[in-house]
N, C-alpha and C. Protein backbone atom coordinates (compact mmCIF):
# COMPACT_ATOMS: atom_id res chain seq x y z
N LEU A 1 132.18 97.86 149.41
CA LEU A 1 132.22 98.62 148.34
C LEU A 1 133.56 98.47 147.57
N ARG A 2 133.67 98.50 146.30
CA ARG A 2 134.85 98.45 145.53
C ARG A 2 134.63 99.15 144.13
N GLU A 3 135.63 99.88 143.76
CA GLU A 3 135.70 100.60 142.54
C GLU A 3 134.52 101.77 142.57
N HIS A 4 134.18 102.27 143.79
CA HIS A 4 133.28 103.25 143.93
C HIS A 4 133.80 104.77 143.95
N THR A 5 133.16 105.70 144.18
CA THR A 5 133.51 107.06 144.23
C THR A 5 133.33 107.65 145.64
N VAL A 6 134.38 108.17 146.21
CA VAL A 6 134.40 108.98 147.41
C VAL A 6 134.43 110.41 147.11
N VAL A 7 133.27 111.04 147.82
CA VAL A 7 133.20 112.60 147.65
C VAL A 7 133.40 113.24 149.05
N VAL A 8 134.44 113.95 149.15
CA VAL A 8 134.78 114.58 150.43
C VAL A 8 134.20 116.01 150.36
N GLY A 9 132.99 116.17 151.11
CA GLY A 9 132.50 117.44 151.15
C GLY A 9 131.08 117.42 150.34
N PHE A 10 129.96 117.73 150.99
CA PHE A 10 128.69 117.84 150.33
C PHE A 10 128.09 119.16 150.29
N GLY A 11 128.91 120.10 149.93
CA GLY A 11 128.52 121.45 149.80
C GLY A 11 128.02 121.74 148.27
N THR A 12 128.23 123.03 147.89
CA THR A 12 127.74 123.36 146.45
C THR A 12 128.63 122.67 145.39
N LYS A 13 130.01 122.59 145.68
CA LYS A 13 131.05 121.88 144.80
C LYS A 13 130.69 120.52 144.84
N GLY A 14 130.54 119.80 145.87
CA GLY A 14 130.44 118.38 145.96
C GLY A 14 129.14 117.89 145.39
N ARG A 15 128.09 118.72 145.68
CA ARG A 15 126.64 118.39 145.06
C ARG A 15 126.77 118.37 143.50
N SER A 16 127.40 119.42 143.06
CA SER A 16 127.48 119.65 141.62
C SER A 16 128.27 118.58 140.88
N ALA A 17 129.42 118.15 141.45
CA ALA A 17 130.14 117.19 141.09
C ALA A 17 129.32 115.81 141.05
N ILE A 18 128.66 115.47 141.97
CA ILE A 18 127.82 114.28 142.00
C ILE A 18 126.75 114.37 141.02
N GLN A 19 126.06 115.49 140.87
CA GLN A 19 125.09 115.77 139.82
C GLN A 19 125.67 115.22 138.41
N THR A 20 126.78 115.68 138.11
CA THR A 20 127.37 115.46 136.87
C THR A 20 127.73 113.90 136.80
N LEU A 21 128.23 113.28 137.81
CA LEU A 21 128.38 111.89 137.68
C LEU A 21 127.31 111.07 137.59
N CYS A 22 126.12 111.44 138.35
CA CYS A 22 124.89 110.73 138.09
C CYS A 22 124.36 110.86 136.81
N ALA A 23 124.49 112.09 136.18
CA ALA A 23 124.04 112.31 134.77
C ALA A 23 124.66 111.46 133.67
N THR A 24 125.90 110.97 134.10
CA THR A 24 126.53 110.07 133.10
C THR A 24 126.35 108.57 133.36
N GLY A 25 125.48 108.30 134.40
CA GLY A 25 125.08 106.88 134.64
C GLY A 25 125.60 106.26 135.87
N LEU A 26 126.39 107.01 136.77
CA LEU A 26 126.91 106.48 137.87
C LEU A 26 125.63 106.29 138.96
N LYS A 27 125.55 105.04 139.60
CA LYS A 27 124.44 104.83 140.59
C LYS A 27 124.73 105.41 141.84
N LYS A 28 123.74 105.88 142.53
CA LYS A 28 123.94 106.42 143.91
C LYS A 28 124.52 105.59 145.00
N ASP A 29 124.29 104.15 144.75
CA ASP A 29 124.99 103.42 145.77
C ASP A 29 126.48 102.98 145.60
N GLN A 30 126.99 103.69 144.40
CA GLN A 30 128.46 103.61 144.18
C GLN A 30 129.12 104.97 144.61
N ILE A 31 128.38 105.78 145.31
CA ILE A 31 128.99 107.01 145.71
C ILE A 31 128.87 106.97 147.31
N VAL A 32 129.98 107.34 147.87
CA VAL A 32 130.20 107.48 149.40
C VAL A 32 130.59 109.07 149.68
N ILE A 33 129.74 109.67 150.49
CA ILE A 33 130.00 111.01 150.95
C ILE A 33 130.70 111.04 152.15
N VAL A 34 131.74 111.93 152.40
CA VAL A 34 132.41 112.06 153.70
C VAL A 34 132.25 113.48 154.07
N ASP A 35 131.80 113.73 155.18
CA ASP A 35 131.48 115.21 155.64
C ASP A 35 131.66 115.30 157.26
N PRO A 36 132.19 116.39 157.79
CA PRO A 36 132.21 116.41 159.23
C PRO A 36 130.90 116.80 159.86
N ALA A 37 129.90 117.21 159.29
CA ALA A 37 128.67 117.67 159.57
C ALA A 37 127.58 116.66 159.72
N GLY A 38 127.10 116.58 160.83
CA GLY A 38 125.99 115.36 160.95
C GLY A 38 124.74 115.68 160.19
N LYS A 39 124.32 116.89 160.12
CA LYS A 39 123.14 117.32 159.39
C LYS A 39 123.43 117.30 157.88
N VAL A 40 124.63 117.32 157.36
CA VAL A 40 125.08 117.23 155.96
C VAL A 40 124.91 115.68 155.58
N ILE A 41 125.37 114.80 156.58
CA ILE A 41 125.50 113.46 156.26
C ILE A 41 123.91 112.92 156.21
N GLU A 42 123.10 113.55 157.08
CA GLU A 42 121.72 113.26 157.08
C GLU A 42 120.92 113.45 155.88
N ALA A 43 121.26 114.69 155.28
CA ALA A 43 120.84 115.09 154.06
C ALA A 43 121.30 114.19 152.94
N ALA A 44 122.59 113.95 152.99
CA ALA A 44 122.98 112.94 151.91
C ALA A 44 122.30 111.49 152.02
N ASN A 45 122.16 111.11 153.27
CA ASN A 45 121.40 109.76 153.38
C ASN A 45 120.03 109.92 152.87
N ALA A 46 119.24 111.03 153.14
CA ALA A 46 117.96 111.29 152.66
C ALA A 46 117.91 111.24 151.08
N GLU A 47 118.94 111.61 150.59
CA GLU A 47 118.86 111.77 148.99
C GLU A 47 119.43 110.30 148.41
N GLY A 48 119.75 109.38 149.38
CA GLY A 48 120.03 108.01 148.74
C GLY A 48 121.63 107.66 148.69
N PHE A 49 122.39 108.44 149.38
CA PHE A 49 123.72 108.24 149.34
C PHE A 49 124.18 107.61 150.58
N VAL A 50 125.41 106.81 150.54
CA VAL A 50 126.04 106.36 151.85
C VAL A 50 126.72 107.58 152.37
N GLY A 51 126.69 107.72 153.57
CA GLY A 51 127.45 108.89 154.20
C GLY A 51 128.37 108.24 155.39
N VAL A 52 129.66 108.96 155.41
CA VAL A 52 130.42 108.77 156.54
C VAL A 52 130.80 110.11 157.21
N LEU A 53 130.34 110.03 158.58
CA LEU A 53 130.55 111.18 159.30
C LEU A 53 131.97 111.26 159.93
N GLY A 54 132.63 112.34 159.69
CA GLY A 54 133.99 112.49 160.15
C GLY A 54 134.92 113.39 159.52
N ASP A 55 136.00 113.67 160.01
CA ASP A 55 137.03 114.48 159.49
C ASP A 55 137.97 113.61 158.37
N ALA A 56 137.91 114.05 157.24
CA ALA A 56 138.44 113.24 156.10
C ALA A 56 139.96 113.36 156.06
N THR A 57 140.54 114.27 156.90
CA THR A 57 141.99 114.31 156.95
C THR A 57 142.49 113.14 157.80
N ARG A 58 141.59 112.49 158.49
CA ARG A 58 142.03 111.25 159.39
C ARG A 58 141.98 110.07 158.60
N SER A 59 142.96 109.20 158.64
CA SER A 59 142.97 107.93 157.74
C SER A 59 141.72 107.07 158.35
N ASP A 60 141.36 106.94 159.58
CA ASP A 60 140.39 106.05 159.92
C ASP A 60 138.99 106.43 159.43
N VAL A 61 138.82 107.75 159.08
CA VAL A 61 137.66 108.10 158.61
C VAL A 61 137.44 107.65 157.15
N LEU A 62 138.54 107.96 156.40
CA LEU A 62 138.62 107.45 155.07
C LEU A 62 138.57 106.02 154.87
N LEU A 63 139.07 105.31 155.74
CA LEU A 63 139.06 103.81 155.74
C LEU A 63 137.70 103.31 155.93
N ARG A 64 136.84 103.96 156.81
CA ARG A 64 135.47 103.58 156.89
C ARG A 64 134.74 103.87 155.66
N ALA A 65 135.16 104.87 154.61
CA ALA A 65 134.53 105.14 153.52
C ALA A 65 135.19 104.12 152.30
N GLU A 66 135.99 103.06 152.84
CA GLU A 66 136.65 102.21 152.00
C GLU A 66 137.36 102.99 150.88
N VAL A 67 138.12 103.99 151.29
CA VAL A 67 138.72 104.78 150.24
C VAL A 67 139.97 103.99 149.61
N GLN A 68 140.47 103.08 150.26
CA GLN A 68 141.57 102.10 149.68
C GLN A 68 141.07 101.36 148.67
N LYS A 69 139.69 101.10 148.31
CA LYS A 69 139.16 100.28 147.37
C LYS A 69 138.44 101.22 146.29
N ALA A 70 138.45 102.43 146.42
CA ALA A 70 137.89 103.43 145.62
C ALA A 70 138.64 103.58 144.34
N ARG A 71 137.64 103.83 143.34
CA ARG A 71 138.20 104.02 141.87
C ARG A 71 138.65 105.50 141.76
N GLN A 72 137.73 106.37 142.30
CA GLN A 72 138.07 107.87 142.17
C GLN A 72 137.64 108.61 143.42
N ILE A 73 138.38 109.68 143.79
CA ILE A 73 138.12 110.53 144.97
C ILE A 73 138.13 111.94 144.51
N ILE A 74 136.98 112.58 144.88
CA ILE A 74 136.66 114.10 144.55
C ILE A 74 136.79 114.72 146.01
N ILE A 75 137.52 115.72 146.01
CA ILE A 75 137.90 116.47 147.16
C ILE A 75 137.23 117.93 146.94
N ALA A 76 136.11 118.12 147.67
CA ALA A 76 135.44 119.38 147.59
C ALA A 76 135.17 120.03 148.99
N THR A 77 136.28 120.33 149.73
CA THR A 77 136.29 120.93 151.01
C THR A 77 136.08 122.36 150.84
N GLN A 78 135.73 122.97 152.02
CA GLN A 78 135.60 124.48 152.04
C GLN A 78 136.87 125.19 152.15
N ARG A 79 137.89 124.49 152.71
CA ARG A 79 139.31 125.14 153.01
C ARG A 79 140.32 124.40 152.11
N ASP A 80 141.26 125.19 151.49
CA ASP A 80 142.30 124.69 150.89
C ASP A 80 143.29 123.96 151.64
N ASP A 81 143.60 124.18 152.85
CA ASP A 81 144.52 123.45 153.70
C ASP A 81 143.98 122.04 154.03
N THR A 82 142.69 122.05 154.23
CA THR A 82 142.05 120.77 154.32
C THR A 82 141.94 119.87 153.28
N ALA A 83 141.91 120.46 152.02
CA ALA A 83 141.83 119.66 150.63
C ALA A 83 143.31 118.97 150.56
N VAL A 84 144.44 119.77 150.80
CA VAL A 84 145.77 119.22 150.86
C VAL A 84 145.90 118.06 151.65
N LEU A 85 145.44 118.14 153.02
CA LEU A 85 145.55 117.16 154.01
C LEU A 85 144.81 115.96 153.59
N VAL A 86 143.58 116.15 152.98
CA VAL A 86 142.81 114.95 152.59
C VAL A 86 143.47 114.31 151.36
N ALA A 87 143.94 115.11 150.58
CA ALA A 87 144.73 114.58 149.34
C ALA A 87 145.93 113.62 149.83
N LEU A 88 146.76 114.14 150.73
CA LEU A 88 147.90 113.44 151.16
C LEU A 88 147.52 112.12 151.71
N THR A 89 146.48 112.11 152.70
CA THR A 89 145.98 111.10 153.34
C THR A 89 145.32 110.02 152.37
N ALA A 90 144.56 110.40 151.49
CA ALA A 90 143.80 109.62 150.49
C ALA A 90 144.84 108.90 149.60
N ARG A 91 145.94 109.68 149.21
CA ARG A 91 146.97 109.05 148.31
C ARG A 91 147.77 108.07 149.01
N GLN A 92 148.06 108.30 150.25
CA GLN A 92 148.72 107.23 151.14
C GLN A 92 148.01 105.89 151.11
N LEU A 93 146.70 105.90 151.19
CA LEU A 93 145.82 104.79 151.45
C LEU A 93 145.53 104.29 150.09
N ASN A 94 145.58 104.96 148.96
CA ASN A 94 145.11 104.44 147.59
C ASN A 94 146.05 105.06 146.60
N ARG A 95 147.09 104.26 146.04
CA ARG A 95 147.89 104.79 145.12
C ARG A 95 147.53 104.79 143.67
N GLY A 96 146.36 104.12 143.40
CA GLY A 96 145.76 104.02 142.07
C GLY A 96 144.71 104.87 141.67
N ALA A 97 143.98 105.24 142.71
CA ALA A 97 142.79 106.05 142.48
C ALA A 97 142.95 107.21 141.70
N LYS A 98 142.05 107.75 140.89
CA LYS A 98 141.99 109.24 140.40
C LYS A 98 141.59 110.12 141.57
N ILE A 99 142.41 111.07 141.78
CA ILE A 99 142.02 112.13 142.78
C ILE A 99 141.81 113.37 141.98
N VAL A 100 140.71 113.99 142.22
CA VAL A 100 140.37 115.33 141.62
C VAL A 100 139.97 116.36 142.83
N ALA A 101 140.56 117.40 142.83
CA ALA A 101 140.38 118.35 143.89
C ALA A 101 139.91 119.73 143.42
N ALA A 102 139.17 120.54 144.33
CA ALA A 102 139.02 121.78 144.04
C ALA A 102 139.75 122.72 145.06
N VAL A 103 140.20 123.77 144.58
CA VAL A 103 140.86 124.83 145.55
C VAL A 103 140.19 126.12 145.34
N ARG A 104 140.25 126.96 146.28
CA ARG A 104 139.81 128.33 146.16
C ARG A 104 140.83 129.27 145.33
N GLU A 105 142.00 129.14 145.73
CA GLU A 105 143.12 130.03 145.39
C GLU A 105 144.26 129.21 144.38
N GLU A 106 144.38 130.00 143.40
CA GLU A 106 145.40 129.37 142.46
C GLU A 106 146.70 129.08 142.88
N GLU A 107 147.20 129.89 143.92
CA GLU A 107 148.52 129.54 144.47
C GLU A 107 148.59 128.17 145.34
N ASN A 108 147.39 127.74 145.65
CA ASN A 108 147.50 126.49 146.37
C ASN A 108 147.38 125.18 145.38
N ALA A 109 147.17 125.43 144.19
CA ALA A 109 147.00 124.34 143.19
C ALA A 109 148.24 123.49 143.14
N PRO A 110 149.49 124.08 142.98
CA PRO A 110 150.74 123.32 142.83
C PRO A 110 150.87 122.34 144.01
N LEU A 111 150.61 122.90 145.32
CA LEU A 111 150.77 122.22 146.56
C LEU A 111 149.75 121.05 146.54
N LEU A 112 148.57 121.14 146.06
CA LEU A 112 147.77 120.09 145.95
C LEU A 112 147.99 118.95 145.07
N ARG A 113 148.59 119.38 143.94
CA ARG A 113 149.16 118.43 142.96
C ARG A 113 150.41 117.55 143.67
N GLN A 114 151.23 118.22 144.34
CA GLN A 114 152.33 117.56 144.92
C GLN A 114 151.81 116.68 146.05
N SER A 115 150.60 116.96 146.66
CA SER A 115 150.00 116.14 147.71
C SER A 115 149.41 114.91 147.22
N GLY A 116 149.25 114.69 145.81
CA GLY A 116 148.76 113.57 145.20
C GLY A 116 147.51 113.70 144.25
N ALA A 117 146.98 114.93 144.10
CA ALA A 117 145.88 115.13 143.25
C ALA A 117 146.21 114.88 141.75
N ASP A 118 145.49 114.28 141.05
CA ASP A 118 145.62 114.20 139.57
C ASP A 118 145.29 115.45 138.76
N ALA A 119 144.22 115.97 139.30
CA ALA A 119 143.71 117.14 138.79
C ALA A 119 143.30 118.23 139.66
N VAL A 120 143.44 119.33 139.53
CA VAL A 120 143.06 120.55 140.47
C VAL A 120 142.25 121.60 139.69
N ILE A 121 141.12 121.91 140.28
CA ILE A 121 140.14 122.83 139.58
C ILE A 121 140.25 124.13 140.63
N THR A 122 140.66 125.22 140.09
CA THR A 122 140.61 126.47 141.04
C THR A 122 139.26 127.13 140.86
N SER A 123 138.44 126.96 141.81
CA SER A 123 137.09 127.38 141.74
C SER A 123 136.92 128.97 141.48
N ALA A 124 137.66 129.70 142.17
CA ALA A 124 137.43 131.25 142.04
C ALA A 124 137.94 131.66 140.73
N SER A 125 139.12 131.01 140.14
CA SER A 125 139.48 131.42 138.83
C SER A 125 138.71 130.97 137.74
N ALA A 126 138.01 129.85 137.87
CA ALA A 126 137.01 129.28 136.95
C ALA A 126 135.92 130.18 136.84
N ALA A 127 135.37 130.43 137.99
CA ALA A 127 134.25 131.34 137.90
C ALA A 127 134.49 132.70 137.31
N GLY A 128 135.65 133.22 137.75
CA GLY A 128 136.15 134.51 137.15
C GLY A 128 136.30 134.50 135.52
N ARG A 129 136.84 133.35 135.18
CA ARG A 129 137.07 133.31 133.70
C ARG A 129 135.67 133.27 132.83
N LEU A 130 134.71 132.63 133.52
CA LEU A 130 133.42 132.41 133.06
C LEU A 130 132.86 133.64 133.05
N LEU A 131 132.90 134.46 134.08
CA LEU A 131 132.28 135.84 134.08
C LEU A 131 132.96 136.72 132.85
N GLY A 132 134.30 136.73 132.87
CA GLY A 132 134.92 137.57 131.85
C GLY A 132 134.36 137.01 130.46
N LEU A 133 134.29 135.81 130.09
CA LEU A 133 133.82 135.44 128.90
C LEU A 133 132.35 135.90 128.76
N SER A 134 131.51 135.76 129.62
CA SER A 134 130.23 136.18 129.43
C SER A 134 130.09 137.75 129.27
N VAL A 135 130.98 138.50 129.72
CA VAL A 135 131.01 139.97 129.44
C VAL A 135 131.42 140.14 127.96
N LEU A 136 132.43 139.52 127.60
CA LEU A 136 132.86 139.66 126.15
C LEU A 136 131.87 139.13 125.24
N SER A 137 131.23 138.06 125.57
CA SER A 137 130.27 137.46 124.71
C SER A 137 129.23 136.58 125.35
N PRO A 138 128.17 137.18 125.81
CA PRO A 138 127.02 136.34 126.57
C PRO A 138 126.94 135.06 126.00
N SER A 139 126.75 134.98 124.63
CA SER A 139 126.45 133.78 124.02
C SER A 139 127.58 132.75 124.20
N ALA A 140 128.80 133.14 124.05
CA ALA A 140 129.97 132.21 124.34
C ALA A 140 129.89 131.74 125.88
N GLY A 141 129.65 132.56 126.70
CA GLY A 141 129.40 132.18 128.07
C GLY A 141 128.30 131.13 128.35
N THR A 142 127.24 131.34 127.62
CA THR A 142 126.01 130.44 127.71
C THR A 142 126.53 129.02 127.03
N VAL A 143 127.19 129.02 126.09
CA VAL A 143 127.69 127.74 125.50
C VAL A 143 128.68 127.12 126.56
N MET A 144 129.63 127.76 126.97
CA MET A 144 130.49 127.17 127.94
C MET A 144 129.71 126.48 129.18
N GLU A 145 128.89 127.26 129.73
CA GLU A 145 127.97 126.94 130.87
C GLU A 145 127.30 125.52 130.57
N ASP A 146 126.69 125.63 129.20
CA ASP A 146 125.97 124.32 128.62
C ASP A 146 126.92 123.19 128.55
N LEU A 147 128.08 123.34 128.35
CA LEU A 147 128.97 122.31 127.95
C LEU A 147 129.44 121.61 129.44
N ILE A 148 129.43 122.42 130.39
CA ILE A 148 129.94 121.89 131.76
C ILE A 148 128.66 121.32 132.53
N GLN A 149 127.49 121.55 132.00
CA GLN A 149 126.42 121.15 132.51
C GLN A 149 125.88 119.72 132.01
N GLN A 150 126.45 118.63 132.41
CA GLN A 150 126.17 117.29 131.86
C GLN A 150 124.83 116.86 131.91
N GLY A 151 124.47 116.32 130.89
CA GLY A 151 123.08 115.58 130.69
C GLY A 151 122.03 116.45 130.04
N SER A 152 122.44 117.89 129.52
CA SER A 152 121.34 118.60 128.86
C SER A 152 122.14 119.45 127.74
N GLY A 153 121.39 119.87 126.66
CA GLY A 153 121.99 120.64 125.67
C GLY A 153 123.18 120.03 125.06
N LEU A 154 124.40 120.48 124.95
CA LEU A 154 125.57 119.92 124.51
C LEU A 154 126.45 119.39 125.71
N ASP A 155 127.10 118.23 125.38
CA ASP A 155 127.86 117.64 126.36
C ASP A 155 129.34 117.43 125.89
N LEU A 156 130.33 117.65 126.84
CA LEU A 156 131.55 117.39 126.57
C LEU A 156 132.01 116.07 127.15
N VAL A 157 132.39 115.06 126.18
CA VAL A 157 132.58 113.60 126.70
C VAL A 157 133.84 113.10 126.24
N GLU A 158 134.47 112.08 126.80
CA GLU A 158 135.59 111.43 126.43
C GLU A 158 135.24 110.05 126.17
N ARG A 159 135.76 109.52 124.93
CA ARG A 159 135.41 108.21 124.65
C ARG A 159 136.52 107.65 123.81
N PRO A 160 136.65 106.15 123.70
CA PRO A 160 137.68 105.56 122.76
C PRO A 160 137.50 105.71 121.46
N VAL A 161 138.52 105.72 120.66
CA VAL A 161 138.33 105.77 119.21
C VAL A 161 137.84 104.38 118.69
N ILE A 162 136.78 104.29 117.85
CA ILE A 162 136.27 103.12 117.50
C ILE A 162 137.04 102.62 116.20
N LYS A 163 136.95 101.33 115.77
CA LYS A 163 137.59 100.69 114.68
C LYS A 163 137.45 101.47 113.43
N ALA A 164 136.11 101.94 113.20
CA ALA A 164 135.83 102.62 111.88
C ALA A 164 136.52 104.07 111.80
N GLU A 165 137.03 104.49 112.87
CA GLU A 165 137.61 105.74 112.86
C GLU A 165 139.15 105.60 112.69
N VAL A 166 139.65 104.41 112.95
CA VAL A 166 141.20 104.32 112.96
C VAL A 166 141.67 104.68 111.49
N GLY A 167 142.71 105.42 111.41
CA GLY A 167 143.29 105.84 110.16
C GLY A 167 142.68 107.17 109.55
N LYS A 168 141.63 107.60 110.22
CA LYS A 168 141.00 108.77 109.70
C LYS A 168 141.55 110.02 110.39
N SER A 169 141.31 111.18 109.75
CA SER A 169 141.70 112.53 110.40
C SER A 169 140.55 112.84 111.57
N VAL A 170 140.96 113.72 112.34
CA VAL A 170 140.09 114.24 113.33
C VAL A 170 138.79 114.70 112.60
N ARG A 171 138.87 115.54 111.56
CA ARG A 171 137.78 116.07 110.91
C ARG A 171 136.79 115.10 110.23
N GLU A 172 137.24 113.90 109.99
CA GLU A 172 136.50 112.83 109.30
C GLU A 172 135.62 112.11 110.21
N THR A 173 135.70 112.35 111.52
CA THR A 173 134.71 111.64 112.50
C THR A 173 133.52 112.15 112.42
N ASP A 174 132.34 111.34 112.92
CA ASP A 174 131.00 111.96 113.01
C ASP A 174 130.88 112.96 114.13
N ASP A 175 131.57 112.79 115.08
CA ASP A 175 131.49 113.72 116.26
C ASP A 175 132.43 114.92 116.04
N LEU A 176 132.12 115.98 116.74
CA LEU A 176 132.89 117.23 116.80
C LEU A 176 133.98 117.02 117.84
N VAL A 177 135.23 116.48 117.33
CA VAL A 177 136.44 116.30 118.18
C VAL A 177 137.14 117.49 118.55
N VAL A 178 137.29 117.84 119.81
CA VAL A 178 138.11 119.09 120.17
C VAL A 178 139.53 118.54 120.62
N SER A 179 139.76 117.24 121.05
CA SER A 179 141.08 117.01 121.46
C SER A 179 141.35 115.47 121.43
N VAL A 180 142.39 115.02 121.28
CA VAL A 180 142.89 113.71 121.07
C VAL A 180 143.78 113.33 122.26
N LEU A 181 143.51 112.38 123.04
CA LEU A 181 144.36 111.94 124.15
C LEU A 181 145.16 110.69 123.61
N ARG A 182 146.45 110.87 123.48
CA ARG A 182 147.29 109.90 123.03
C ARG A 182 148.45 109.65 124.07
N GLY A 183 148.11 108.45 124.75
CA GLY A 183 149.08 108.23 125.90
C GLY A 183 148.76 109.26 126.91
N HIS A 184 149.96 110.02 127.34
CA HIS A 184 149.86 111.11 128.26
C HIS A 184 149.71 112.47 127.60
N ARG A 185 149.54 112.42 126.31
CA ARG A 185 149.66 113.72 125.52
C ARG A 185 148.31 114.16 125.07
N LEU A 186 148.00 115.39 125.43
CA LEU A 186 146.56 115.88 124.96
C LEU A 186 146.93 116.80 123.72
N LEU A 187 146.45 116.39 122.52
CA LEU A 187 146.71 117.01 121.33
C LEU A 187 145.31 117.80 120.83
N GLY A 188 145.43 118.98 120.52
CA GLY A 188 144.28 119.78 119.87
C GLY A 188 143.82 119.26 118.51
N TYR A 189 142.62 119.41 118.19
CA TYR A 189 142.07 119.10 117.09
C TYR A 189 142.85 119.57 115.82
N ASP A 190 143.61 120.62 116.01
CA ASP A 190 144.23 121.15 114.77
C ASP A 190 145.69 120.82 114.76
N ASP A 191 146.20 120.09 115.66
CA ASP A 191 147.48 119.58 115.81
C ASP A 191 147.81 118.52 114.70
N PRO A 192 148.78 118.63 113.87
CA PRO A 192 149.10 117.72 112.82
C PRO A 192 149.31 116.43 113.23
N ALA A 193 149.76 116.26 114.64
CA ALA A 193 150.08 115.06 115.15
C ALA A 193 148.91 114.23 115.59
N ALA A 194 147.63 114.95 115.58
CA ALA A 194 146.58 114.24 116.15
C ALA A 194 145.87 113.32 114.95
N SER A 195 146.26 113.39 113.84
CA SER A 195 145.67 112.64 112.72
C SER A 195 146.82 112.00 111.97
N PRO A 196 146.68 110.62 111.64
CA PRO A 196 145.42 109.98 111.76
C PRO A 196 145.16 109.36 113.17
N LEU A 197 144.00 109.13 113.29
CA LEU A 197 143.56 108.47 114.68
C LEU A 197 144.18 106.95 114.84
N GLN A 198 144.39 106.61 116.04
CA GLN A 198 144.99 105.45 116.32
C GLN A 198 144.01 104.68 117.27
N LEU A 199 143.97 103.26 117.25
CA LEU A 199 143.09 102.61 117.98
C LEU A 199 143.16 102.76 119.60
N THR A 200 144.38 103.08 119.93
CA THR A 200 144.61 103.34 121.29
C THR A 200 144.37 104.83 121.85
N ASP A 201 143.91 105.66 120.80
CA ASP A 201 143.64 107.03 121.40
C ASP A 201 142.36 107.07 121.98
N ARG A 202 142.01 108.13 122.80
CA ARG A 202 140.82 108.53 123.23
C ARG A 202 140.54 110.07 122.62
N VAL A 203 139.15 110.21 122.37
CA VAL A 203 138.87 111.58 121.94
C VAL A 203 137.97 112.21 122.79
N ILE A 204 138.12 113.55 122.88
CA ILE A 204 137.26 114.46 123.66
C ILE A 204 136.43 115.07 122.80
N THR A 205 135.10 114.93 122.62
CA THR A 205 134.08 115.30 121.70
C THR A 205 132.97 116.11 122.37
N ILE A 206 132.44 116.99 121.46
CA ILE A 206 131.09 117.72 121.84
C ILE A 206 129.97 116.91 121.16
N VAL A 207 129.04 116.55 121.91
CA VAL A 207 127.86 115.72 121.33
C VAL A 207 126.53 116.32 121.99
N ARG A 208 125.48 116.01 121.29
CA ARG A 208 124.15 116.47 121.71
C ARG A 208 123.98 115.55 123.00
N ALA A 209 123.43 116.12 124.11
CA ALA A 209 123.24 115.13 125.31
C ALA A 209 122.03 114.30 124.95
N SER A 210 122.09 113.06 125.49
CA SER A 210 121.11 112.21 125.38
C SER A 210 121.09 111.42 126.75
N PRO A 211 119.92 110.84 127.10
CA PRO A 211 119.79 110.15 128.45
C PRO A 211 120.98 109.08 128.64
N LEU A 212 121.79 109.37 129.67
CA LEU A 212 122.94 108.50 130.12
C LEU A 212 123.92 108.10 129.05
N HIS A 213 123.81 108.64 127.79
CA HIS A 213 124.60 108.52 126.76
C HIS A 213 124.72 106.92 126.37
N THR A 214 123.73 106.36 126.11
CA THR A 214 123.60 104.80 125.94
C THR A 214 124.10 104.38 124.59
N SER A 215 124.38 105.35 123.69
CA SER A 215 125.05 104.96 122.42
C SER A 215 126.30 104.14 122.71
N PRO A 216 126.52 103.03 121.92
CA PRO A 216 127.68 102.21 122.06
C PRO A 216 129.09 103.03 121.63
N THR A 217 128.73 104.07 120.99
CA THR A 217 129.96 104.85 120.42
C THR A 217 130.47 105.67 121.58
N HIS A 218 129.70 106.08 122.53
CA HIS A 218 130.01 107.14 123.50
C HIS A 218 130.12 106.44 124.85
N HIS A 219 131.35 106.38 125.46
CA HIS A 219 131.52 105.90 126.88
C HIS A 219 132.12 107.02 127.61
N PRO A 220 131.22 107.89 128.13
CA PRO A 220 131.62 109.15 128.91
C PRO A 220 132.36 108.97 130.13
N GLN A 221 133.35 109.75 130.29
CA GLN A 221 134.07 109.68 131.57
C GLN A 221 133.73 110.98 132.23
N GLN A 222 134.55 111.47 133.28
CA GLN A 222 134.36 112.82 133.70
C GLN A 222 134.46 113.82 132.55
N PRO A 223 133.95 114.94 132.63
CA PRO A 223 134.07 116.00 131.59
C PRO A 223 135.62 116.24 131.38
N GLY A 224 136.00 116.10 130.15
CA GLY A 224 137.50 116.18 129.74
C GLY A 224 137.90 117.57 129.67
N PRO A 225 139.17 117.69 129.64
CA PRO A 225 139.82 119.13 129.57
C PRO A 225 139.55 119.54 127.99
N ARG A 226 139.47 121.06 127.86
CA ARG A 226 139.44 121.65 126.61
C ARG A 226 140.81 122.06 126.24
N THR A 227 141.00 122.41 125.07
CA THR A 227 142.34 123.01 124.54
C THR A 227 141.91 124.42 124.00
């Protein structure tokens, strides 16, 4: 395997992450699941995924998952301390992979970033924010849930700027652009610096979901951040 995705943990979070990846066109044979429970690995195998049984905090287990050749690593463990150790070990083995991790408690997010994670999602806080939004506006909560459910309704996708859009303002594009990624800067759609668009920019847009986003204009990555 090379340029594959390693998912550590095949519980609710890991399964949801995989569902999103597969909805954007990633093939099952490009996903390797690591979990310490034999029954979980058997279930993963039954669904068509490659599974590695073992403790992902151990480098020998991650090496069996070919993590050193992986393109991206998703850490969806049950415990925050385990996630930190997995991130440390994975980053030592692979300096270039994108590592995304979930933690339960907000206070552990900085430690996980220091351990090598590129992005950290706080599951408890994210769920709480969605609950609060749904109380304030059930419709807004429904829209947000739709946006993070890849492959149906509305999708939040990241794509490169096409030549026809270069020099135009954000509002002149055919898609609904919510953010512009310029280098390492994430610019809001209403930021004066976001326009005009440059050829090296990437835009995060809201589009109507279509099967695998086969349009040449859209090249989805993982769901991008919102501003």
